[in-house]
Amino acid sequence: MARVEQIAGLMRSRTYQLIRQGLFPAPYKPGGFASRWSEAGVRCWVDAIRAKAA
C-alpha cells in the first residue's frame, strides 16, 4: 500500500474510496488479508489522470 500511495499520490482512504467508485484499479488478493496492485496498472491510472488534466 505504501508503494501505491507513493506512485498515485493518494492516501489510503482516498484510494479505497476511488476503488469503491470504480475509478481506481482494484487490488488482487494473493492470499490471506494482503492486497496487491499491479504497478503497471497504477502507473497507467496516473498517466490517464495526467492526460485528462492536460
C-alpha atoms as a PDB file:
ATOM      1  CA  MET A   1       0.000   0.000   0.000  1.00  0.00           C
ATOM      2  CA  ALA A   2       2.859   2.372   0.737  1.00  0.00           C
ATOM      3  CA  ARG A   3       4.141   1.979  -2.811  1.00  0.00           C
ATOM      4  CA  VAL A   4       0.659   2.560  -4.264  1.00  0.00           C
ATOM      5  CA  GLU A   5       0.348   5.739  -2.159  1.00  0.00           C
ATOM      6  CA  GLN A   6       3.759   6.880  -3.401  1.00  0.00           C
ATOM      7  CA  ILE A   7       3.041   6.250  -7.090  1.00  0.00           C
ATOM      8  CA  ALA A   8      -0.545   7.536  -7.113  1.00  0.00           C
ATOM      9  CA  GLY A   9      -0.036  10.381  -4.673  1.00  0.00           C
ATOM     10  CA  LEU A  10      -3.139   9.324  -2.720  1.00  0.00           C
ATOM     11  CA  MET A  11      -3.740   8.450   0.881  1.00  0.00           C
ATOM     12  CA  ARG A  12      -5.079   5.004   1.768  1.00  0.00           C
ATOM     13  CA  SER A  13      -8.639   6.184   2.478  1.00  0.00           C
ATOM     14  CA  ARG A  14      -8.900   8.072  -0.842  1.00  0.00           C
ATOM     15  CA  THR A  15      -7.506   5.073  -2.729  1.00  0.00           C
ATOM     16  CA  TYR A  16     -10.172   2.748  -1.319  1.00  0.00           C
ATOM     17  CA  GLN A  17     -12.873   5.354  -1.923  1.00  0.00           C
ATOM     18  CA  LEU A  18     -11.895   5.507  -5.613  1.00  0.00           C
ATOM     19  CA  ILE A  19     -11.826   1.693  -5.809  1.00  0.00           C
ATOM     20  CA  ARG A  20     -15.404   1.534  -4.467  1.00  0.00           C
ATOM     21  CA  GLN A  21     -16.423   4.092  -7.117  1.00  0.00           C
ATOM     22  CA  GLY A  22     -14.726   2.028  -9.838  1.00  0.00           C
ATOM     23  CA  LEU A  23     -12.257   4.834 -10.574  1.00  0.00           C
ATOM     24  CA  PHE A  24      -9.014   3.179  -9.433  1.00  0.00           C
ATOM     25  CA  PRO A  25      -7.525  -0.237 -10.261  1.00  0.00           C
ATOM     26  CA  ALA A  26      -8.815  -2.847  -7.831  1.00  0.00           C
ATOM     27  CA  PRO A  27      -6.306  -4.885  -5.845  1.00  0.00           C
ATOM     28  CA  TYR A  28      -5.954  -8.614  -6.077  1.00  0.00           C
ATOM     29  CA  LYS A  29      -5.674 -10.905  -3.057  1.00  0.00           C
ATOM     30  CA  PRO A  30      -2.723 -13.317  -3.248  1.00  0.00           C
ATOM     31  CA  GLY A  31      -3.899 -14.964  -0.040  1.00  0.00           C
ATOM     32  CA  GLY A  32      -4.945 -14.042   3.460  1.00  0.00           C
ATOM     33  CA  PHE A  33      -5.675 -10.399   4.156  1.00  0.00           C
ATOM     34  CA  ALA A  34      -2.969  -8.962   1.908  1.00  0.00           C
ATOM     35  CA  SER A  35      -3.872  -6.760  -1.058  1.00  0.00           C
ATOM     36  CA  ARG A  36      -1.602  -6.205  -4.022  1.00  0.00           C
ATOM     37  CA  TRP A  37      -1.819  -3.948  -7.055  1.00  0.00           C
ATOM     38  CA  SER A  38      -0.219  -4.200 -10.448  1.00  0.00           C
ATOM     39  CA  GLU A  39       2.375  -1.427 -10.560  1.00  0.00           C
ATOM     40  CA  ALA A  40       1.781  -1.103 -14.294  1.00  0.00           C
ATOM     41  CA  GLY A  41      -1.959  -0.719 -13.671  1.00  0.00           C
ATOM     42  CA  VAL A  42      -1.428   2.016 -11.095  1.00  0.00           C
ATOM     43  CA  ARG A  43       1.029   3.834 -13.365  1.00  0.00           C
ATOM     44  CA  CYS A  44      -1.463   3.644 -16.261  1.00  0.00           C
ATOM     45  CA  TRP A  45      -4.111   5.152 -13.987  1.00  0.00           C
ATOM     46  CA  VAL A  46      -1.745   8.018 -13.063  1.00  0.00           C
ATOM     47  CA  ASP A  47      -0.936   8.609 -16.744  1.00  0.00           C
ATOM     48  CA  ALA A  48      -4.643   8.676 -17.638  1.00  0.00           C
ATOM     49  CA  ILE A  49      -5.375  11.215 -14.868  1.00  0.00           C
ATOM     50  CA  ARG A  50      -2.500  13.406 -16.054  1.00  0.00           C
ATOM     51  CA  ALA A  51      -3.727  13.205 -19.659  1.00  0.00           C
ATOM     52  CA  LYS A  52      -7.227  14.326 -18.613  1.00  0.00           C
ATOM     53  CA  ALA A  53      -5.759  17.274 -16.721  1.00  0.00           C
ATOM     54  CA  ALA A  54      -3.742  18.467 -19.714  1.00  0.00           C
END
